[in-house]
């Protein structure tokens, strides 16, 4: 009976220690491709938001230009690469249209499912060194918009967007 109590007690303490280690390294573990999703779900069920420390500055965004407005639409193409040492989610792309003085005319955020050629990839993490192509299709903005800027953003919460160039 004494040996059984010591065994059960030791196992319980080992589980508590493992939980403390996981909780301590939760931000790093949340970025892991296999461990991250179930860990984020577990924290959500406990009522605690778990937001990994994603590195927005590690996204390399190359703008390929925009195709001339045809049939009432504008097509902006770009490539996106993850230069971080860890996998990251596909970011939200913020397209800001500008007038001839560089002042913003309109802004629109594109979710990964909206810009990836293969929308099924939107829920997967972008591996270190991996890249993907973005295609943003929008209605012709008219003559007032003569330029544009792209930015990468990630959600900190359902209501808060954090962008590489500044607040969302």
N, C-alpha and C. Protein backbone atom coordinates (compact mmCIF):
# COMPACT_ATOMS: atom_id res chain seq x y z
N UNK A 1 0.83 -1.20 0.00
CA UNK A 1 0.00 0.00 0.00
C UNK A 1 0.87 1.25 0.00
N UNK A 2 1.96 1.25 0.77
CA UNK A 2 2.86 2.40 0.83
C UNK A 2 3.55 2.63 -0.50
N UNK A 3 3.95 1.56 -1.20
CA UNK A 3 4.62 1.69 -2.50
C UNK A 3 3.66 2.25 -3.54
N UNK A 4 2.40 1.82 -3.50
CA UNK A 4 1.39 2.31 -4.44
C UNK A 4 1.16 3.81 -4.23
N UNK A 5 1.09 4.23 -2.99
CA UNK A 5 0.88 5.65 -2.69
C UNK A 5 2.06 6.49 -3.20
N UNK A 6 3.28 5.99 -2.98
CA UNK A 6 4.46 6.71 -3.46
C UNK A 6 4.47 6.77 -5.00
N UNK A 7 4.07 5.70 -5.65
CA UNK A 7 4.05 5.67 -7.11
C UNK A 7 3.02 6.66 -7.66
N UNK A 8 1.81 6.64 -7.11
CA UNK A 8 0.75 7.55 -7.55
C UNK A 8 1.16 9.00 -7.26
N UNK A 9 1.71 9.23 -6.10
CA UNK A 9 2.15 10.59 -5.74
C UNK A 9 3.26 11.07 -6.66
N UNK A 10 4.21 10.21 -6.97
CA UNK A 10 5.31 10.58 -7.87
C UNK A 10 4.79 10.87 -9.27
N UNK A 11 3.85 10.05 -9.75
CA UNK A 11 3.27 10.30 -11.07
C UNK A 11 2.50 11.62 -11.10
N UNK A 12 1.77 11.90 -10.05
CA UNK A 12 1.02 13.16 -9.98
C UNK A 12 1.98 14.35 -9.99
N UNK A 13 3.06 14.26 -9.23
CA UNK A 13 4.04 15.35 -9.21
C UNK A 13 4.74 15.49 -10.56
N UNK A 14 5.00 14.38 -11.25
CA UNK A 14 5.61 14.44 -12.58
C UNK A 14 4.68 15.13 -13.58
N UNK A 15 3.38 14.86 -13.50
CA UNK A 15 2.40 15.51 -14.38
C UNK A 15 2.35 17.01 -14.08
N UNK A 16 2.35 17.38 -12.81
CA UNK A 16 2.33 18.79 -12.43
C UNK A 16 3.60 19.48 -12.93
N UNK A 17 4.75 18.84 -12.79
CA UNK A 17 6.01 19.42 -13.27
C UNK A 17 5.98 19.58 -14.79
N UNK A 18 5.48 18.58 -15.51
CA UNK A 18 5.38 18.67 -16.97
C UNK A 18 4.46 19.82 -17.37
N UNK A 19 3.35 19.98 -16.66
CA UNK A 19 2.42 21.07 -16.95
C UNK A 19 3.09 22.42 -16.70
N UNK A 20 3.90 22.53 -15.66
CA UNK A 20 4.60 23.79 -15.37
C UNK A 20 5.63 24.10 -16.46
N UNK A 21 6.32 23.08 -16.94
CA UNK A 21 7.31 23.29 -18.00
C UNK A 21 6.61 23.73 -19.28
N UNK A 22 5.52 23.08 -19.64
CA UNK A 22 4.76 23.46 -20.83
C UNK A 22 4.24 24.89 -20.69
N UNK A 23 3.71 25.22 -19.51
CA UNK A 23 3.18 26.58 -19.31
C UNK A 23 4.30 27.62 -19.40
N UNK A 24 5.46 27.30 -18.85
CA UNK A 24 6.58 28.25 -18.88
C UNK A 24 7.04 28.52 -20.32
N UNK A 25 7.08 27.49 -21.16
CA UNK A 25 7.55 27.62 -22.54
C UNK A 25 6.39 27.68 -23.54
N UNK A 26 5.21 28.07 -23.08
CA UNK A 26 4.01 28.03 -23.91
C UNK A 26 4.12 28.88 -25.17
N UNK A 27 4.74 30.07 -25.10
CA UNK A 27 4.84 30.94 -26.28
C UNK A 27 5.69 30.29 -27.36
N UNK A 28 6.80 29.69 -26.98
CA UNK A 28 7.66 29.01 -27.96
C UNK A 28 6.99 27.74 -28.47
N UNK A 29 6.36 26.99 -27.58
CA UNK A 29 5.68 25.75 -27.99
C UNK A 29 4.49 26.05 -28.90
N UNK A 30 3.84 27.18 -28.71
CA UNK A 30 2.69 27.53 -29.53
C UNK A 30 3.08 27.77 -30.98
N UNK A 31 4.36 28.07 -31.24
CA UNK A 31 4.83 28.28 -32.61
C UNK A 31 5.20 26.97 -33.30
N UNK A 32 5.30 25.89 -32.55
CA UNK A 32 5.71 24.61 -33.12
C UNK A 32 4.60 24.07 -34.03
N UNK A 33 4.94 23.60 -35.24
CA UNK A 33 3.91 23.15 -36.19
C UNK A 33 3.02 22.03 -35.67
N UNK A 34 3.57 21.07 -34.92
CA UNK A 34 2.75 19.95 -34.45
C UNK A 34 2.16 20.21 -33.06
N UNK A 35 2.92 20.80 -32.19
CA UNK A 35 2.48 21.01 -30.80
C UNK A 35 1.59 22.25 -30.66
N UNK A 36 1.85 23.27 -31.48
CA UNK A 36 1.16 24.54 -31.36
C UNK A 36 -0.35 24.48 -31.45
N UNK A 37 -0.92 23.91 -32.52
CA UNK A 37 -2.39 23.93 -32.63
C UNK A 37 -3.11 23.27 -31.46
N UNK A 38 -2.72 22.05 -31.03
CA UNK A 38 -3.44 21.49 -29.88
C UNK A 38 -3.21 22.27 -28.58
N UNK A 39 -2.03 22.85 -28.44
CA UNK A 39 -1.75 23.64 -27.24
C UNK A 39 -2.62 24.90 -27.22
N UNK A 40 -2.76 25.57 -28.36
CA UNK A 40 -3.62 26.76 -28.42
C UNK A 40 -5.07 26.38 -28.13
N UNK A 41 -5.52 25.24 -28.63
CA UNK A 41 -6.89 24.79 -28.37
C UNK A 41 -7.08 24.52 -26.88
N UNK A 42 -6.10 23.86 -26.27
CA UNK A 42 -6.18 23.55 -24.84
C UNK A 42 -6.27 24.83 -24.01
N UNK A 43 -5.45 25.83 -24.35
CA UNK A 43 -5.49 27.09 -23.61
C UNK A 43 -6.82 27.82 -23.83
N UNK A 44 -7.35 27.76 -25.06
CA UNK A 44 -8.65 28.38 -25.33
C UNK A 44 -9.74 27.74 -24.48
N UNK A 45 -9.71 26.42 -24.35
CA UNK A 45 -10.71 25.72 -23.54
C UNK A 45 -10.60 26.07 -22.07
N UNK A 46 -9.39 26.45 -21.65
CA UNK A 46 -9.20 26.89 -20.27
C UNK A 46 -9.55 28.36 -20.09
N UNK A 47 -9.93 29.01 -21.20
CA UNK A 47 -10.33 30.41 -21.14
C UNK A 47 -9.17 31.39 -21.17
N UNK A 48 -8.00 30.92 -21.61
CA UNK A 48 -6.81 31.79 -21.67
C UNK A 48 -6.34 31.87 -23.12
N UNK A 49 -6.20 33.09 -23.61
CA UNK A 49 -5.71 33.27 -24.97
C UNK A 49 -4.21 33.00 -25.01
N UNK A 50 -3.79 32.28 -26.00
CA UNK A 50 -2.38 31.95 -26.15
C UNK A 50 -1.93 32.51 -27.50
N UNK A 51 -1.20 33.60 -27.46
CA UNK A 51 -0.75 34.25 -28.68
C UNK A 51 0.77 34.10 -28.81
N UNK A 52 1.22 33.32 -29.76
CA UNK A 52 2.66 33.14 -29.94
C UNK A 52 3.34 34.45 -30.31
N UNK A 53 4.62 34.51 -30.06
CA UNK A 53 5.40 35.70 -30.42
C UNK A 53 5.85 35.58 -31.87
N UNK A 54 4.91 35.83 -32.81
CA UNK A 54 5.25 35.77 -34.22
C UNK A 54 6.15 36.95 -34.57
N UNK A 55 7.00 36.78 -35.56
CA UNK A 55 7.94 37.82 -35.96
C UNK A 55 7.52 38.42 -37.30
N UNK A 56 6.78 39.53 -37.24
CA UNK A 56 6.31 40.19 -38.46
C UNK A 56 7.47 40.71 -39.31
N UNK A 57 8.56 41.13 -38.66
CA UNK A 57 9.71 41.67 -39.40
C UNK A 57 10.40 40.58 -40.22
N UNK A 58 10.15 39.32 -39.91
CA UNK A 58 10.80 38.23 -40.64
C UNK A 58 10.09 37.89 -41.95
N UNK A 59 8.94 38.50 -42.19
CA UNK A 59 8.26 38.27 -43.47
C UNK A 59 8.89 39.18 -44.52
N UNK A 60 9.28 38.57 -45.63
CA UNK A 60 9.81 39.34 -46.76
C UNK A 60 8.72 39.41 -47.81
N UNK A 61 8.29 40.62 -48.11
CA UNK A 61 7.20 40.84 -49.05
C UNK A 61 7.75 41.54 -50.28
N UNK A 62 7.62 40.90 -51.42
CA UNK A 62 8.09 41.49 -52.68
C UNK A 62 6.89 41.74 -53.58
N UNK A 63 6.74 42.98 -53.94
CA UNK A 63 5.62 43.37 -54.79
C UNK A 63 6.03 43.20 -56.24
N UNK A 64 5.22 42.48 -57.00
CA UNK A 64 5.49 42.26 -58.42
C UNK A 64 4.83 43.31 -59.28
N UNK A 65 3.98 44.11 -58.70
CA UNK A 65 3.27 45.12 -59.47
C UNK A 65 1.82 44.76 -59.61
N UNK A 66 1.12 45.60 -60.35
CA UNK A 66 -0.29 45.35 -60.56
C UNK A 66 -0.57 45.33 -62.05
N UNK A 67 -1.45 44.46 -62.43
CA UNK A 67 -1.87 44.39 -63.82
C UNK A 67 -2.86 45.53 -64.05
N UNK A 68 -2.80 46.08 -65.23
CA UNK A 68 -3.70 47.19 -65.55
C UNK A 68 -5.14 46.79 -65.29
N UNK A 69 -5.90 47.74 -64.84
CA UNK A 69 -7.31 47.47 -64.54
C UNK A 69 -8.02 47.02 -65.81
N UNK A 70 -8.56 45.83 -65.75
CA UNK A 70 -9.31 45.29 -66.89
C UNK A 70 -10.64 44.79 -66.38
N UNK A 71 -11.65 45.02 -67.17
CA UNK A 71 -12.99 44.55 -66.84
C UNK A 71 -13.42 44.99 -65.44
N UNK A 72 -13.05 46.20 -65.07
CA UNK A 72 -13.50 46.75 -63.79
C UNK A 72 -12.83 46.19 -62.56
N UNK A 73 -11.63 45.64 -62.71
CA UNK A 73 -10.93 45.12 -61.53
C UNK A 73 -9.44 45.41 -61.61
N UNK A 74 -8.79 45.29 -60.46
CA UNK A 74 -7.35 45.52 -60.35
C UNK A 74 -6.74 44.26 -59.74
N UNK A 75 -5.61 43.83 -60.25
CA UNK A 75 -4.94 42.62 -59.77
C UNK A 75 -3.54 42.99 -59.29
N UNK A 76 -3.26 42.80 -58.01
CA UNK A 76 -1.95 43.07 -57.42
C UNK A 76 -1.31 41.73 -57.09
N UNK A 77 -0.07 41.56 -57.53
CA UNK A 77 0.63 40.30 -57.26
C UNK A 77 1.89 40.56 -56.43
N UNK A 78 2.21 39.59 -55.57
CA UNK A 78 3.39 39.71 -54.71
C UNK A 78 3.84 38.32 -54.29
N UNK A 79 5.05 38.24 -53.75
CA UNK A 79 5.52 36.99 -53.15
C UNK A 79 5.82 37.27 -51.68
N UNK A 80 5.66 36.25 -50.88
CA UNK A 80 5.79 36.36 -49.44
C UNK A 80 6.71 35.24 -48.97
N UNK A 81 7.77 35.58 -48.23
CA UNK A 81 8.70 34.56 -47.73
C UNK A 81 8.84 34.71 -46.21
N UNK A 82 9.00 33.58 -45.54
CA UNK A 82 9.20 33.55 -44.09
C UNK A 82 10.69 33.41 -43.82
N UNK A 83 11.33 34.47 -43.35
CA UNK A 83 12.77 34.46 -43.04
C UNK A 83 13.04 34.16 -41.56
N UNK A 84 12.00 33.86 -40.80
CA UNK A 84 12.18 33.51 -39.37
C UNK A 84 12.76 32.10 -39.27
N UNK A 85 13.31 31.78 -38.15
CA UNK A 85 13.86 30.45 -37.91
C UNK A 85 12.81 29.45 -37.47
N UNK A 86 11.54 29.83 -37.55
CA UNK A 86 10.44 28.97 -37.13
C UNK A 86 9.27 29.19 -38.08
N UNK A 87 8.37 28.25 -38.09
CA UNK A 87 7.18 28.36 -38.94
C UNK A 87 6.25 29.44 -38.40
N UNK A 88 5.57 30.13 -39.31
CA UNK A 88 4.63 31.19 -38.94
C UNK A 88 3.37 31.05 -39.78
N UNK A 89 2.26 31.58 -39.27
CA UNK A 89 1.03 31.55 -40.08
C UNK A 89 1.14 32.50 -41.26
N UNK A 90 0.40 32.21 -42.31
CA UNK A 90 0.33 33.16 -43.42
C UNK A 90 -0.28 34.45 -42.86
N UNK A 91 0.34 35.59 -43.14
CA UNK A 91 -0.18 36.83 -42.58
C UNK A 91 -1.39 37.35 -43.34
N UNK A 92 -2.04 38.30 -42.75
CA UNK A 92 -3.08 39.07 -43.42
C UNK A 92 -2.33 40.14 -44.21
N UNK A 93 -2.69 40.33 -45.46
CA UNK A 93 -2.04 41.36 -46.27
C UNK A 93 -2.92 42.60 -46.29
N UNK A 94 -2.34 43.72 -45.92
CA UNK A 94 -3.06 44.99 -45.93
C UNK A 94 -2.63 45.76 -47.17
N UNK A 95 -3.59 46.06 -48.01
CA UNK A 95 -3.37 46.83 -49.23
C UNK A 95 -3.89 48.24 -48.99
N UNK A 96 -3.00 49.22 -49.12
CA UNK A 96 -3.38 50.61 -48.93
C UNK A 96 -3.20 51.33 -50.27
N UNK A 97 -4.29 51.82 -50.83
CA UNK A 97 -4.25 52.57 -52.08
C UNK A 97 -3.95 54.03 -51.77
N UNK A 98 -3.11 54.65 -52.61
CA UNK A 98 -2.67 56.02 -52.37
C UNK A 98 -2.99 56.91 -53.56
N UNK A 99 -3.19 58.19 -53.27
CA UNK A 99 -3.36 59.16 -54.35
C UNK A 99 -2.00 59.63 -54.83
N UNK A 100 -1.97 60.58 -55.71
CA UNK A 100 -0.69 61.01 -56.29
C UNK A 100 0.23 61.71 -55.30
N UNK A 101 -0.29 62.10 -54.15
CA UNK A 101 0.52 62.74 -53.12
C UNK A 101 0.96 61.75 -52.03
N UNK A 102 0.59 60.49 -52.18
CA UNK A 102 0.96 59.48 -51.20
C UNK A 102 0.00 59.36 -50.04
N UNK A 103 -1.10 60.09 -50.09
CA UNK A 103 -2.11 60.02 -49.02
C UNK A 103 -3.00 58.81 -49.25
N UNK A 104 -3.40 58.12 -48.19
CA UNK A 104 -4.26 56.94 -48.36
C UNK A 104 -5.63 57.30 -48.90
N UNK A 105 -6.07 56.51 -49.87
CA UNK A 105 -7.40 56.68 -50.46
C UNK A 105 -8.33 55.60 -49.90
N UNK A 106 -7.82 54.38 -49.80
CA UNK A 106 -8.61 53.26 -49.29
C UNK A 106 -7.66 52.20 -48.75
N UNK A 107 -8.16 51.40 -47.80
CA UNK A 107 -7.39 50.31 -47.21
C UNK A 107 -8.27 49.07 -47.16
N UNK A 108 -7.67 47.94 -47.47
CA UNK A 108 -8.40 46.68 -47.38
C UNK A 108 -7.45 45.60 -46.89
N UNK A 109 -7.95 44.76 -45.98
CA UNK A 109 -7.18 43.62 -45.47
C UNK A 109 -7.63 42.35 -46.17
N UNK A 110 -6.65 41.55 -46.61
CA UNK A 110 -6.91 40.29 -47.29
C UNK A 110 -6.46 39.13 -46.41
N UNK A 111 -7.39 38.27 -46.07
CA UNK A 111 -7.08 37.06 -45.31
C UNK A 111 -6.33 36.10 -46.24
N UNK A 112 -5.52 35.18 -45.70
CA UNK A 112 -4.78 34.23 -46.54
C UNK A 112 -5.67 33.46 -47.52
N UNK A 113 -6.87 33.11 -47.10
CA UNK A 113 -7.77 32.37 -47.98
C UNK A 113 -8.17 33.21 -49.19
N UNK A 114 -8.08 34.54 -49.07
CA UNK A 114 -8.45 35.45 -50.15
C UNK A 114 -7.33 35.68 -51.16
N UNK A 115 -6.06 35.50 -50.74
CA UNK A 115 -4.96 35.82 -51.66
C UNK A 115 -4.13 34.63 -52.12
N UNK A 116 -4.20 33.50 -51.42
CA UNK A 116 -3.40 32.34 -51.83
C UNK A 116 -4.03 31.66 -53.04
N UNK A 117 -3.18 31.20 -53.96
CA UNK A 117 -3.69 30.50 -55.13
C UNK A 117 -4.36 29.19 -54.74
N UNK A 118 -3.85 28.57 -53.66
CA UNK A 118 -4.46 27.36 -53.13
C UNK A 118 -5.00 27.70 -51.73
N UNK A 119 -6.28 28.07 -51.64
CA UNK A 119 -6.84 28.51 -50.35
C UNK A 119 -6.76 27.47 -49.24
N UNK A 120 -6.60 26.18 -49.58
CA UNK A 120 -6.51 25.16 -48.53
C UNK A 120 -5.21 25.30 -47.73
N UNK A 121 -4.23 26.03 -48.25
CA UNK A 121 -2.96 26.26 -47.54
C UNK A 121 -3.08 27.34 -46.46
N UNK A 122 -4.18 28.07 -46.46
CA UNK A 122 -4.34 29.22 -45.57
C UNK A 122 -4.21 28.85 -44.09
N UNK A 123 -4.67 27.69 -43.69
CA UNK A 123 -4.62 27.29 -42.30
C UNK A 123 -3.29 26.67 -41.88
N UNK A 124 -2.41 26.44 -42.82
CA UNK A 124 -1.11 25.82 -42.52
C UNK A 124 -0.07 26.88 -42.24
N UNK A 125 0.94 26.49 -41.46
CA UNK A 125 2.02 27.41 -41.17
C UNK A 125 2.99 27.47 -42.34
N UNK A 126 3.61 28.62 -42.52
CA UNK A 126 4.62 28.83 -43.56
C UNK A 126 5.96 28.47 -42.94
N UNK A 127 6.60 27.43 -43.46
CA UNK A 127 7.85 26.91 -42.91
C UNK A 127 8.98 27.94 -43.02
N UNK A 128 10.03 27.80 -42.19
CA UNK A 128 11.18 28.71 -42.31
C UNK A 128 11.77 28.62 -43.71
N UNK A 129 11.99 29.76 -44.35
CA UNK A 129 12.56 29.81 -45.68
C UNK A 129 11.57 29.56 -46.81
N UNK A 130 10.36 29.18 -46.47
CA UNK A 130 9.34 28.89 -47.49
C UNK A 130 8.73 30.20 -48.00
N UNK A 131 8.16 30.12 -49.19
CA UNK A 131 7.51 31.30 -49.75
C UNK A 131 6.19 30.90 -50.40
N UNK A 132 5.36 31.88 -50.64
CA UNK A 132 4.09 31.66 -51.32
C UNK A 132 3.79 32.89 -52.16
N UNK A 133 2.90 32.70 -53.11
CA UNK A 133 2.52 33.80 -54.00
C UNK A 133 1.16 34.34 -53.59
N UNK A 134 1.04 35.66 -53.69
CA UNK A 134 -0.21 36.31 -53.34
C UNK A 134 -0.79 36.99 -54.58
N UNK A 135 -2.09 36.88 -54.70
CA UNK A 135 -2.81 37.53 -55.77
C UNK A 135 -4.02 38.23 -55.16
N UNK A 136 -4.01 39.56 -55.19
CA UNK A 136 -5.08 40.34 -54.60
C UNK A 136 -5.95 40.90 -55.72
N UNK A 137 -7.20 40.54 -55.72
CA UNK A 137 -8.13 41.01 -56.75
C UNK A 137 -9.14 41.95 -56.09
N UNK A 138 -9.29 43.15 -56.67
CA UNK A 138 -10.25 44.09 -56.12
C UNK A 138 -10.87 44.89 -57.25
N UNK A 139 -11.96 45.52 -56.94
CA UNK A 139 -12.64 46.36 -57.92
C UNK A 139 -11.73 47.51 -58.31
N UNK A 140 -11.83 47.96 -59.56
CA UNK A 140 -11.03 49.07 -60.05
C UNK A 140 -11.23 50.27 -59.13
N UNK A 141 -10.14 50.77 -58.50
CA UNK A 141 -10.28 51.86 -57.54
C UNK A 141 -10.53 53.22 -58.17
N UNK A 142 -10.45 53.31 -59.47
CA UNK A 142 -10.68 54.59 -60.13
C UNK A 142 -9.40 55.39 -60.30
N UNK A 143 -9.54 56.58 -60.84
CA UNK A 143 -8.38 57.41 -61.17
C UNK A 143 -7.67 57.99 -59.96
N UNK A 144 -8.40 58.17 -58.88
CA UNK A 144 -7.82 58.81 -57.70
C UNK A 144 -6.67 57.99 -57.12
N UNK A 145 -6.78 56.67 -57.15
CA UNK A 145 -5.74 55.80 -56.61
C UNK A 145 -4.70 55.52 -57.70
N UNK A 146 -3.49 56.04 -57.49
CA UNK A 146 -2.44 55.86 -58.48
C UNK A 146 -1.29 54.98 -57.98
N UNK A 147 -1.26 54.69 -56.70
CA UNK A 147 -0.21 53.86 -56.12
C UNK A 147 -0.77 53.01 -55.00
N UNK A 148 0.08 52.13 -54.49
CA UNK A 148 -0.37 51.28 -53.39
C UNK A 148 0.82 50.85 -52.55
N UNK A 149 0.52 50.39 -51.35
CA UNK A 149 1.50 49.83 -50.42
C UNK A 149 0.93 48.56 -49.83
N UNK A 150 1.79 47.58 -49.63
CA UNK A 150 1.39 46.33 -48.98
C UNK A 150 2.07 46.23 -47.62
N UNK A 151 1.37 45.65 -46.67
CA UNK A 151 1.92 45.42 -45.34
C UNK A 151 1.47 44.04 -44.87
N UNK A 152 2.25 43.43 -43.97
CA UNK A 152 1.87 42.14 -43.39
C UNK A 152 1.35 42.38 -41.98
N UNK A 153 0.27 41.69 -41.63
CA UNK A 153 -0.37 41.85 -40.32
C UNK A 153 -0.75 40.48 -39.76
N UNK A 154 -0.83 40.39 -38.45
CA UNK A 154 -1.32 39.18 -37.77
C UNK A 154 -2.26 39.62 -36.65
N UNK A 155 -3.21 38.76 -36.34
CA UNK A 155 -4.18 39.06 -35.28
C UNK A 155 -3.58 38.78 -33.91
N UNK A 156 -3.72 39.76 -33.02
CA UNK A 156 -3.36 39.56 -31.62
C UNK A 156 -4.58 39.07 -30.85
N UNK A 157 -5.75 39.43 -31.35
CA UNK A 157 -7.02 38.98 -30.79
C UNK A 157 -8.04 39.14 -31.91
N UNK A 158 -9.26 38.66 -31.72
CA UNK A 158 -10.24 38.83 -32.80
C UNK A 158 -10.46 40.28 -33.21
N UNK A 159 -10.21 41.23 -32.30
CA UNK A 159 -10.46 42.63 -32.60
C UNK A 159 -9.20 43.45 -32.87
N UNK A 160 -8.01 42.89 -32.58
CA UNK A 160 -6.77 43.66 -32.71
C UNK A 160 -5.86 43.04 -33.76
N UNK A 161 -5.44 43.89 -34.71
CA UNK A 161 -4.55 43.48 -35.78
C UNK A 161 -3.22 44.20 -35.59
N UNK A 162 -2.12 43.46 -35.62
CA UNK A 162 -0.79 44.06 -35.49
C UNK A 162 -0.09 43.97 -36.84
N UNK A 163 0.38 45.10 -37.36
CA UNK A 163 1.01 45.15 -38.67
C UNK A 163 2.49 45.51 -38.53
N UNK A 164 3.28 45.12 -39.52
CA UNK A 164 4.73 45.37 -39.48
C UNK A 164 5.04 46.85 -39.50
N UNK A 165 4.25 47.65 -40.19
CA UNK A 165 4.51 49.09 -40.31
C UNK A 165 3.91 49.90 -39.17
N UNK A 166 3.16 49.27 -38.31
CA UNK A 166 2.56 50.04 -37.22
C UNK A 166 1.24 49.45 -36.80
N UNK A 167 0.49 50.17 -35.98
CA UNK A 167 -0.77 49.66 -35.45
C UNK A 167 -1.75 49.31 -36.56
N UNK A 168 -2.54 48.29 -36.27
CA UNK A 168 -3.57 47.87 -37.23
C UNK A 168 -4.75 48.72 -37.08
